[in-house]
Amino acid sequence: MSVPGGSEPTVLEAALRRFSGAVDALEAAIERRLEVERQEAALAQQLHVLGADRSRLADALDGAQARADRLENANDEVSRRLGSAMETIRAVLAAHER
């Protein structure tokens, strides 16, 4: 059924073009949203990896600090013992010189 003057196909064609444009815009919006979701998932994974690295590094730092504390205590003990040994040697040398 055609309206005299041939306006119906033109109106229909225009409506189909608008509909097609709307579908294209919707598909583009969906694709952008999916890309955002993919990026969010990638960022969440990176955040998880960084958190695990932080925990591992914190544990390593705690271990290194404990080792440094033990070495410092051992150094203090060795220093004390060397001082005592030096005093003993001086006392022996002084007694021997008399």
PDB file of N, CA and C in Angstrom:
ATOM      1  N   MET A   1       0.834  -1.169   0.000  1.00  0.00           N
ATOM      2  CA  MET A   1       0.000   0.000   0.000  1.00  0.00           C
ATOM      3  C   MET A   1       0.878   1.229   0.000  1.00  0.00           C
ATOM      4  N   SER A   2       0.683   2.027  -0.985  1.00  0.00           N
ATOM      5  CA  SER A   2       1.529   3.192  -1.160  1.00  0.00           C
ATOM      6  C   SER A   2       0.676   4.447  -1.131  1.00  0.00           C
ATOM      7  N   VAL A   3       1.152   5.457  -0.450  1.00  0.00           N
ATOM      8  CA  VAL A   3       0.441   6.731  -0.382  1.00  0.00           C
ATOM      9  C   VAL A   3       0.756   7.493  -1.657  1.00  0.00           C
ATOM     10  N   PRO A   4      -0.232   8.168  -2.224  1.00  0.00           N
ATOM     11  CA  PRO A   4       0.050   8.912  -3.452  1.00  0.00           C
ATOM     12  C   PRO A   4       1.179   9.901  -3.223  1.00  0.00           C
ATOM     13  N   GLY A   5       2.040   9.995  -4.196  1.00  0.00           N
ATOM     14  CA  GLY A   5       3.185  10.899  -4.104  1.00  0.00           C
ATOM     15  C   GLY A   5       4.427  10.174  -3.661  1.00  0.00           C
ATOM     16  N   GLY A   6       4.307   8.922  -3.312  1.00  0.00           N
ATOM     17  CA  GLY A   6       5.456   8.100  -2.977  1.00  0.00           C
ATOM     18  C   GLY A   6       6.125   8.457  -1.674  1.00  0.00           C
ATOM     19  N   SER A   7       5.421   9.022  -0.697  1.00  0.00           N
ATOM     20  CA  SER A   7       6.047   9.429   0.554  1.00  0.00           C
ATOM     21  C   SER A   7       6.249   8.278   1.523  1.00  0.00           C
ATOM     22  N   GLU A   8       5.450   7.211   1.416  1.00  0.00           N
ATOM     23  CA  GLU A   8       5.557   6.097   2.369  1.00  0.00           C
ATOM     24  C   GLU A   8       6.920   5.423   2.311  1.00  0.00           C
ATOM     25  N   PRO A   9       7.452   5.043   1.162  1.00  0.00           N
ATOM     26  CA  PRO A   9       8.784   4.423   1.161  1.00  0.00           C
ATOM     27  C   PRO A   9       9.845   5.353   1.731  1.00  0.00           C
ATOM     28  N   THR A  10       9.751   6.620   1.515  1.00  0.00           N
ATOM     29  CA  THR A  10      10.730   7.564   2.026  1.00  0.00           C
ATOM     30  C   THR A  10      10.660   7.629   3.550  1.00  0.00           C
ATOM     31  N   VAL A  11       9.465   7.685   4.100  1.00  0.00           N
ATOM     32  CA  VAL A  11       9.283   7.710   5.549  1.00  0.00           C
ATOM     33  C   VAL A  11       9.778   6.397   6.147  1.00  0.00           C
ATOM     34  N   LEU A  12       9.452   5.289   5.522  1.00  0.00           N
ATOM     35  CA  LEU A  12       9.886   3.982   5.994  1.00  0.00           C
ATOM     36  C   LEU A  12      11.405   3.861   5.930  1.00  0.00           C
ATOM     37  N   GLU A  13      11.968   4.319   4.836  1.00  0.00           N
ATOM     38  CA  GLU A  13      13.432   4.269   4.701  1.00  0.00           C
ATOM     39  C   GLU A  13      14.099   5.130   5.772  1.00  0.00           C
ATOM     40  N   ALA A  14      13.545   6.294   6.028  1.00  0.00           N
ATOM     41  CA  ALA A  14      14.101   7.178   7.055  1.00  0.00           C
ATOM     42  C   ALA A  14      13.997   6.526   8.433  1.00  0.00           C
ATOM     43  N   ALA A  15      12.844   5.900   8.692  1.00  0.00           N
ATOM     44  CA  ALA A  15      12.662   5.221   9.979  1.00  0.00           C
ATOM     45  C   ALA A  15      13.636   4.054  10.114  1.00  0.00           C
ATOM     46  N   LEU A  16      13.851   3.311   9.037  1.00  0.00           N
ATOM     47  CA  LEU A  16      14.807   2.200   9.069  1.00  0.00           C
ATOM     48  C   LEU A  16      16.235   2.705   9.270  1.00  0.00           C
ATOM     49  N   ARG A  17      16.566   3.814   8.649  1.00  0.00           N
ATOM     50  CA  ARG A  17      17.919   4.395   8.849  1.00  0.00           C
ATOM     51  C   ARG A  17      18.102   4.828  10.304  1.00  0.00           C
ATOM     52  N   ARG A  18      17.081   5.458  10.873  1.00  0.00           N
ATOM     53  CA  ARG A  18      17.167   5.871  12.283  1.00  0.00           C
ATOM     54  C   ARG A  18      17.289   4.653  13.186  1.00  0.00           C
ATOM     55  N   PHE A  19      16.478   3.629  12.886  1.00  0.00           N
ATOM     56  CA  PHE A  19      16.534   2.399  13.679  1.00  0.00           C
ATOM     57  C   PHE A  19      17.913   1.753  13.565  1.00  0.00           C
ATOM     58  N   SER A  20      18.437   1.689  12.366  1.00  0.00           N
ATOM     59  CA  SER A  20      19.756   1.108  12.146  1.00  0.00           C
ATOM     60  C   SER A  20      20.826   1.921  12.876  1.00  0.00           C
ATOM     61  N   GLY A  21      20.704   3.237  12.825  1.00  0.00           N
ATOM     62  CA  GLY A  21      21.650   4.098  13.546  1.00  0.00           C
ATOM     63  C   GLY A  21      21.564   3.878  15.051  1.00  0.00           C
ATOM     64  N   ALA A  22      20.339   3.708  15.553  1.00  0.00           N
ATOM     65  CA  ALA A  22      20.155   3.462  16.990  1.00  0.00           C
ATOM     66  C   ALA A  22      20.750   2.116  17.384  1.00  0.00           C
ATOM     67  N   VAL A  23      20.562   1.097  16.556  1.00  0.00           N
ATOM     68  CA  VAL A  23      21.138  -0.223  16.840  1.00  0.00           C
ATOM     69  C   VAL A  23      22.669  -0.145  16.816  1.00  0.00           C
ATOM     70  N   ASP A  24      23.215   0.577  15.831  1.00  0.00           N
ATOM     71  CA  ASP A  24      24.677   0.748  15.761  1.00  0.00           C
ATOM     72  C   ASP A  24      25.202   1.461  17.008  1.00  0.00           C
ATOM     73  N   ALA A  25      24.502   2.507  17.436  1.00  0.00           N
ATOM     74  CA  ALA A  25      24.913   3.244  18.635  1.00  0.00           C
ATOM     75  C   ALA A  25      24.829   2.355  19.871  1.00  0.00           C
ATOM     76  N   LEU A  26      23.767   1.537  19.947  1.00  0.00           N
ATOM     77  CA  LEU A  26      23.621   0.614  21.074  1.00  0.00           C
ATOM     78  C   LEU A  26      24.747  -0.409  21.079  1.00  0.00           C
ATOM     79  N   GLU A  27      25.065  -0.966  19.912  1.00  0.00           N
ATOM     80  CA  GLU A  27      26.165  -1.937  19.832  1.00  0.00           C
ATOM     81  C   GLU A  27      27.488  -1.300  20.239  1.00  0.00           C
ATOM     82  N   ALA A  28      27.721  -0.067  19.812  1.00  0.00           N
ATOM     83  CA  ALA A  28      28.952   0.636  20.182  1.00  0.00           C
ATOM     84  C   ALA A  28      29.002   0.882  21.687  1.00  0.00           C
ATOM     85  N   ALA A  29      27.865   1.264  22.272  1.00  0.00           N
ATOM     86  CA  ALA A  29      27.810   1.496  23.722  1.00  0.00           C
ATOM     87  C   ALA A  29      28.058   0.199  24.477  1.00  0.00           C
ATOM     88  N   ILE A  30      27.494  -0.898  23.991  1.00  0.00           N
ATOM     89  CA  ILE A  30      27.711  -2.197  24.642  1.00  0.00           C
ATOM     90  C   ILE A  30      29.176  -2.583  24.558  1.00  0.00           C
ATOM     91  N   GLU A  31      29.790  -2.380  23.398  1.00  0.00           N
ATOM     92  CA  GLU A  31      31.207  -2.712  23.235  1.00  0.00           C
ATOM     93  C   GLU A  31      32.088  -1.861  24.156  1.00  0.00           C
ATOM     94  N   ARG A  32      31.756  -0.562  24.279  1.00  0.00           N
ATOM     95  CA  ARG A  32      32.523   0.302  25.202  1.00  0.00           C
ATOM     96  C   ARG A  32      32.378  -0.184  26.637  1.00  0.00           C
ATOM     97  N   ARG A  33      31.159  -0.565  27.017  1.00  0.00           N
ATOM     98  CA  ARG A  33      30.922  -1.056  28.387  1.00  0.00           C
ATOM     99  C   ARG A  33      31.677  -2.357  28.641  1.00  0.00           C
ATOM    100  N   LEU A  34      31.674  -3.249  27.653  1.00  0.00           N
ATOM    101  CA  LEU A  34      32.423  -4.502  27.809  1.00  0.00           C
ATOM    102  C   LEU A  34      33.910  -4.232  27.935  1.00  0.00           C
ATOM    103  N   GLU A  35      34.414  -3.267  27.189  1.00  0.00           N
ATOM    104  CA  GLU A  35      35.838  -2.911  27.286  1.00  0.00           C
ATOM    105  C   GLU A  35      36.158  -2.349  28.662  1.00  0.00           C
ATOM    106  N   VAL A  36      35.284  -1.513  29.191  1.00  0.00           N
ATOM    107  CA  VAL A  36      35.476  -0.971  30.549  1.00  0.00           C
ATOM    108  C   VAL A  36      35.491  -2.105  31.562  1.00  0.00           C
ATOM    109  N   GLU A  37      34.591  -3.055  31.411  1.00  0.00           N
ATOM    110  CA  GLU A  37      34.552  -4.193  32.341  1.00  0.00           C
ATOM    111  C   GLU A  37      35.816  -5.036  32.235  1.00  0.00           C
ATOM    112  N   ARG A  38      36.331  -5.215  31.003  1.00  0.00           N
ATOM    113  CA  ARG A  38      37.588  -5.963  30.832  1.00  0.00           C
ATOM    114  C   ARG A  38      38.736  -5.218  31.509  1.00  0.00           C
ATOM    115  N   GLN A  39      38.763  -3.897  31.347  1.00  0.00           N
ATOM    116  CA  GLN A  39      39.807  -3.100  31.981  1.00  0.00           C
ATOM    117  C   GLN A  39      39.693  -3.152  33.502  1.00  0.00           C
ATOM    118  N   GLU A  40      38.474  -3.100  34.012  1.00  0.00           N
ATOM    119  CA  GLU A  40      38.273  -3.186  35.461  1.00  0.00           C
ATOM    120  C   GLU A  40      38.750  -4.530  35.990  1.00  0.00           C
ATOM    121  N   ALA A  41      38.465  -5.597  35.256  1.00  0.00           N
ATOM    122  CA  ALA A  41      38.907  -6.926  35.678  1.00  0.00           C
ATOM    123  C   ALA A  41      40.432  -7.011  35.665  1.00  0.00           C
ATOM    124  N   ALA A  42      41.048  -6.427  34.642  1.00  0.00           N
ATOM    125  CA  ALA A  42      42.514  -6.432  34.573  1.00  0.00           C
ATOM    126  C   ALA A  42      43.109  -5.628  35.730  1.00  0.00           C
ATOM    127  N   LEU A  43      42.507  -4.498  36.042  1.00  0.00           N
ATOM    128  CA  LEU A  43      42.989  -3.688  37.166  1.00  0.00           C
ATOM    129  C   LEU A  43      42.800  -4.419  38.492  1.00  0.00           C
ATOM    130  N   ALA A  44      41.681  -5.101  38.649  1.00  0.00           N
ATOM    131  CA  ALA A  44      41.455  -5.866  39.877  1.00  0.00           C
ATOM    132  C   ALA A  44      42.499  -6.961  40.021  1.00  0.00           C
ATOM    133  N   GLN A  45      42.842  -7.618  38.918  1.00  0.00           N
ATOM    134  CA  GLN A  45      43.888  -8.658  38.954  1.00  0.00           C
ATOM    135  C   GLN A  45      45.232  -8.046  39.320  1.00  0.00           C
ATOM    136  N   GLN A  46      45.559  -6.898  38.730  1.00  0.00           N
ATOM    137  CA  GLN A  46      46.821  -6.230  39.058  1.00  0.00           C
ATOM    138  C   GLN A  46      46.846  -5.830  40.528  1.00  0.00           C
ATOM    139  N   LEU A  47      45.728  -5.359  41.036  1.00  0.00           N
ATOM    140  CA  LEU A  47      45.639  -4.980  42.449  1.00  0.00           C
ATOM    141  C   LEU A  47      45.867  -6.192  43.341  1.00  0.00           C
ATOM    142  N   HIS A  48      45.299  -7.319  42.963  1.00  0.00           N
ATOM    143  CA  HIS A  48      45.500  -8.552  43.724  1.00  0.00           C
ATOM    144  C   HIS A  48      46.979  -8.953  43.716  1.00  0.00           C
ATOM    145  N   VAL A  49      47.610  -8.891  42.552  1.00  0.00           N
ATOM    146  CA  VAL A  49      49.027  -9.243  42.440  1.00  0.00           C
ATOM    147  C   VAL A  49      49.877  -8.289  43.276  1.00  0.00           C
ATOM    148  N   LEU A  50      49.566  -6.995  43.222  1.00  0.00           N
ATOM    149  CA  LEU A  50      50.319  -6.022  44.017  1.00  0.00           C
ATOM    150  C   LEU A  50      50.134  -6.272  45.514  1.00  0.00           C
ATOM    151  N   GLY A  51      48.937  -6.637  45.916  1.00  0.00           N
ATOM    152  CA  GLY A  51      48.696  -6.950  47.329  1.00  0.00           C
ATOM    153  C   GLY A  51      49.497  -8.162  47.767  1.00  0.00           C
ATOM    154  N   ALA A  52      49.545  -9.186  46.913  1.00  0.00           N
ATOM    155  CA  ALA A  52      50.334 -10.381  47.243  1.00  0.00           C
ATOM    156  C   ALA A  52      51.814 -10.035  47.309  1.00  0.00           C
ATOM    157  N   ASP A  53      52.290  -9.217  46.363  1.00  0.00           N
ATOM    158  CA  ASP A  53      53.693  -8.783  46.391  1.00  0.00           C
ATOM    159  C   ASP A  53      53.991  -7.983  47.651  1.00  0.00           C
ATOM    160  N   ARG A  54      53.057  -7.126  48.034  1.00  0.00           N
ATOM    161  CA  ARG A  54      53.258  -6.312  49.237  1.00  0.00           C
ATOM    162  C   ARG A  54      53.380  -7.206  50.466  1.00  0.00           C
ATOM    163  N   SER A  55      52.510  -8.202  50.553  1.00  0.00           N
ATOM    164  CA  SER A  55      52.567  -9.125  51.689  1.00  0.00           C
ATOM    165  C   SER A  55      53.881  -9.892  51.711  1.00  0.00           C
ATOM    166  N   ARG A  56      54.293 -10.361  50.532  1.00  0.00           N
ATOM    167  CA  ARG A  56      55.549 -11.106  50.443  1.00  0.00           C
ATOM    168  C   ARG A  56      56.724 -10.211  50.834  1.00  0.00           C
ATOM    169  N   LEU A  57      56.731  -8.972  50.346  1.00  0.00           N
ATOM    170  CA  LEU A  57      57.816  -8.051  50.671  1.00  0.00           C
ATOM    171  C   LEU A  57      57.798  -7.667  52.153  1.00  0.00           C
ATOM    172  N   ALA A  58      56.614  -7.519  52.718  1.00  0.00           N
ATOM    173  CA  ALA A  58      56.524  -7.198  54.150  1.00  0.00           C
ATOM    174  C   ALA A  58      57.080  -8.352  54.979  1.00  0.00           C
ATOM    175  N   ASP A  59      56.761  -9.591  54.585  1.00  0.00           N
ATOM    176  CA  ASP A  59      57.311 -10.757  55.292  1.00  0.00           C
ATOM    177  C   ASP A  59      58.826 -10.806  55.159  1.00  0.00           C
ATOM    178  N   ALA A  60      59.321 -10.537  53.954  1.00  0.00           N
ATOM    179  CA  ALA A  60      60.773 -10.543  53.727  1.00  0.00           C
ATOM    180  C   ALA A  60      61.443  -9.442  54.551  1.00  0.00           C
ATOM    181  N   LEU A  61      60.820  -8.288  54.620  1.00  0.00           N
ATOM    182  CA  LEU A  61      61.375  -7.189  55.409  1.00  0.00           C
ATOM    183  C   LEU A  61      61.391  -7.540  56.889  1.00  0.00           C
ATOM    184  N   ASP A  62      60.317  -8.148  57.370  1.00  0.00           N
ATOM    185  CA  ASP A  62      60.284  -8.575  58.775  1.00  0.00           C
ATOM    186  C   ASP A  62      61.402  -9.570  59.060  1.00  0.00           C
ATOM    187  N   GLY A  63      61.603 -10.520  58.141  1.00  0.00           N
ATOM    188  CA  GLY A  63      62.677 -11.502  58.310  1.00  0.00           C
ATOM    189  C   GLY A  63      64.042 -10.846  58.293  1.00  0.00           C
ATOM    190  N   ALA A  64      64.234  -9.901  57.381  1.00  0.00           N
ATOM    191  CA  ALA A  64      65.522  -9.200  57.294  1.00  0.00           C
ATOM    192  C   ALA A  64      65.760  -8.365  58.553  1.00  0.00           C
ATOM    193  N   GLN A  65      64.712  -7.746  59.062  1.00  0.00           N
ATOM    194  CA  GLN A  65      64.862  -6.947  60.284  1.00  0.00           C
ATOM    195  C   GLN A  65      65.218  -7.839  61.473  1.00  0.00           C
ATOM    196  N   ALA A  66      64.567  -8.991  61.570  1.00  0.00           N
ATOM    197  CA  ALA A  66      64.874  -9.921  62.658  1.00  0.00           C
ATOM    198  C   ALA A  66      66.328 -10.395  62.554  1.00  0.00           C
ATOM    199  N   ARG A  67      66.770 -10.694  61.331  1.00  0.00           N
ATOM    200  CA  ARG A  67      68.162 -11.125  61.122  1.00  0.00           C
ATOM    201  C   ARG A  67      69.127  -9.993  61.483  1.00  0.00           C
ATOM    202  N   ALA A  68      68.795  -8.770  61.086  1.00  0.00           N
ATOM    203  CA  ALA A  68      69.635  -7.619  61.417  1.00  0.00           C
ATOM    204  C   ALA A  68      69.719  -7.432  62.937  1.00  0.00           C
ATOM    205  N   ASP A  69      68.598  -7.623  63.621  1.00  0.00           N
ATOM    206  CA  ASP A  69      68.590  -7.514  65.090  1.00  0.00           C
ATOM    207  C   ASP A  69      69.480  -8.587  65.715  1.00  0.00           C
ATOM    208  N   ARG A  70      69.372  -9.837  65.191  1.00  0.00           N
ATOM    209  CA  ARG A  70      70.223 -10.914  65.717  1.00  0.00           C
ATOM    210  C   ARG A  70      71.707 -10.622  65.465  1.00  0.00           C
ATOM    211  N   LEU A  71      72.018 -10.120  64.277  1.00  0.00           N
ATOM    212  CA  LEU A  71      73.414  -9.794  63.961  1.00  0.00           C
ATOM    213  C   LEU A  71      73.932  -8.660  64.848  1.00  0.00           C
ATOM    214  N   GLU A  72      73.089  -7.682  65.099  1.00  0.00           N
ATOM    215  CA  GLU A  72      73.489  -6.583  65.974  1.00  0.00           C
ATOM    216  C   GLU A  72      73.760  -7.094  67.387  1.00  0.00           C
ATOM    217  N   ASN A  73      72.892  -7.979  67.885  1.00  0.00           N
ATOM    218  CA  ASN A  73      73.105  -8.558  69.218  1.00  0.00           C
ATOM    219  C   ASN A  73      74.384  -9.388  69.250  1.00  0.00           C
ATOM    220  N   ALA A  74      74.617 -10.180  68.202  1.00  0.00           N
ATOM    221  CA  ALA A  74      75.837 -10.981  68.140  1.00  0.00           C
ATOM    222  C   ALA A  74      77.055 -10.078  68.076  1.00  0.00           C
ATOM    223  N   ASN A  75      76.977  -9.005  67.326  1.00  0.00           N
ATOM    224  CA  ASN A  75      78.084  -8.044  67.228  1.00  0.00           C
ATOM    225  C   ASN A  75      78.378  -7.421  68.584  1.00  0.00           C
ATOM    226  N   ASP A  76      77.326  -7.052  69.305  1.00  0.00           N
ATOM    227  CA  ASP A  76      77.517  -6.484  70.646  1.00  0.00           C
ATOM    228  C   ASP A  76      78.200  -7.504  71.567  1.00  0.00           C
ATOM    229  N   GLU A  77      77.774  -8.770  71.487  1.00  0.00           N
ATOM    230  CA  GLU A  77      78.360  -9.822  72.326  1.00  0.00           C
ATOM    231  C   GLU A  77      79.833 -10.040  71.980  1.00  0.00           C
ATOM    232  N   VAL A  78      80.131 -10.097  70.687  1.00  0.00           N
ATOM    233  CA  VAL A  78      81.531 -10.281  70.255  1.00  0.00           C
ATOM    234  C   VAL A  78      82.366  -9.094  70.704  1.00  0.00           C
ATOM    235  N   SER A  79      81.832  -7.903  70.561  1.00  0.00           N
ATOM    236  CA  SER A  79      82.556  -6.704  70.980  1.00  0.00           C
ATOM    237  C   SER A  79      82.838  -6.747  72.482  1.00  0.00           C
ATOM    238  N   ARG A  80      81.832  -7.143  73.259  1.00  0.00           N
ATOM    239  CA  ARG A  80      82.010  -7.243  74.711  1.00  0.00           C
ATOM    240  C   ARG A  80      83.078  -8.278  75.051  1.00  0.00           C
ATOM    241  N   ARG A  81      83.021  -9.431  74.394  1.00  0.00           N
ATOM    242  CA  ARG A  81      83.992 -10.493  74.663  1.00  0.00           C
ATOM    243  C   ARG A  81      85.401 -10.081  74.243  1.00  0.00           C
ATOM    244  N   LEU A  82      85.520  -9.391  73.107  1.00  0.00           N
ATOM    245  CA  LEU A  82      86.842  -8.918  72.677  1.00  0.00           C
ATOM    246  C   LEU A  82      87.401  -7.913  73.684  1.00  0.00           C
ATOM    247  N   GLY A  83      86.549  -7.033  74.156  1.00  0.00           N
ATOM    248  CA  GLY A  83      86.993  -6.062  75.166  1.00  0.00           C
ATOM    249  C   GLY A  83      87.473  -6.770  76.419  1.00  0.00           C
ATOM    250  N   SER A  84      86.732  -7.792  76.862  1.00  0.00           N
ATOM    251  CA  SER A  84      87.108  -8.554  78.048  1.00  0.00           C
ATOM    252  C   SER A  84      88.425  -9.297  77.817  1.00  0.00           C
ATOM    253  N   ALA A  85      88.567  -9.897  76.618  1.00  0.00           N
ATOM    254  CA  ALA A  85      89.802 -10.620  76.295  1.00  0.00           C
ATOM    255  C   ALA A  85      90.987  -9.661  76.267  1.00  0.00           C
ATOM    256  N   MET A  86      90.778  -8.479  75.709  1.00  0.00           N
ATOM    257  CA  MET A  86      91.873  -7.499  75.665  1.00  0.00           C
ATOM    258  C   MET A  86      92.287  -7.079  77.077  1.00  0.00           C
ATOM    259  N   GLU A  87      91.330  -6.902  77.953  1.00  0.00           N
ATOM    260  CA  GLU A  87      91.640  -6.550  79.346  1.00  0.00           C
ATOM    261  C   GLU A  87      92.415  -7.674  80.025  1.00  0.00           C
ATOM    262  N   THR A  88      92.013  -8.911  79.771  1.00  0.00           N
ATOM    263  CA  THR A  88      92.714 -10.058  80.356  1.00  0.00           C
ATOM    264  C   THR A  88      94.142 -10.122  79.842  1.00  0.00           C
ATOM    265  N   ILE A  89      94.310  -9.921  78.547  1.00  0.00           N
ATOM    266  CA  ILE A  89      95.668  -9.944  77.968  1.00  0.00           C
ATOM    267  C   ILE A  89      96.507  -8.816  78.553  1.00  0.00           C
ATOM    268  N   ARG A  90      95.958  -7.636  78.688  1.00  0.00           N
ATOM    269  CA  ARG A  90      96.704  -6.508  79.289  1.00  0.00           C
ATOM    270  C   ARG A  90      97.107  -6.841  80.728  1.00  0.00           C
ATOM    271  N   ALA A  91      96.161  -7.457  81.465  1.00  0.00           N
ATOM    272  CA  ALA A  91      96.461  -7.797  82.863  1.00  0.00           C
ATOM    273  C   ALA A  91      97.570  -8.848  82.920  1.00  0.00           C
ATOM    274  N   VAL A  92      97.550  -9.836  82.016  1.00  0.00           N
ATOM    275  CA  VAL A  92      98.609 -10.860  81.997  1.00  0.00           C
ATOM    276  C   VAL A  92      99.936 -10.239  81.628  1.00  0.00           C
ATOM    277  N   LEU A  93      99.910  -9.362  80.613  1.00  0.00           N
ATOM    278  CA  LEU A  93     101.159  -8.700  80.195  1.00  0.00           C
ATOM    279  C   LEU A  93     101.708  -7.802  81.310  1.00  0.00           C
ATOM    280  N   ALA A  94     100.811  -7.104  81.991  1.00  0.00           N
ATOM    281  CA  ALA A  94     101.249  -6.219  83.078  1.00  0.00           C
ATOM    282  C   ALA A  94     101.830  -7.048  84.216  1.00  0.00           C
ATOM    283  N   ALA A  95     101.241  -8.198  84.534  1.00  0.00           N
ATOM    284  CA  ALA A  95     101.756  -9.042  85.613  1.00  0.00           C
ATOM    285  C   ALA A  95     103.081  -9.659  85.200  1.00  0.00           C
ATOM    286  N   HIS A  96     103.236  -9.950  83.933  1.00  0.00           N
ATOM    287  CA  HIS A  96     104.458 -10.557  83.434  1.00  0.00           C
ATOM    288  C   HIS A  96     105.599  -9.543  83.403  1.00  0.00           C
ATOM    289  N   GLU A  97     105.293  -8.262  83.187  1.00  0.00           N
ATOM    290  CA  GLU A  97     106.307  -7.213  83.124  1.00  0.00           C
ATOM    291  C   GLU A  97     106.817  -6.853  84.524  1.00  0.00           C
ATOM    292  N   ARG A  98     106.176  -7.151  85.533  1.00  0.00           N
ATOM    293  CA  ARG A  98     106.590  -6.760  86.900  1.00  0.00           C
ATOM    294  C   ARG A  98     107.701  -7.582  87.358  1.00  0.00           C
TER     295      ARG A  98
END
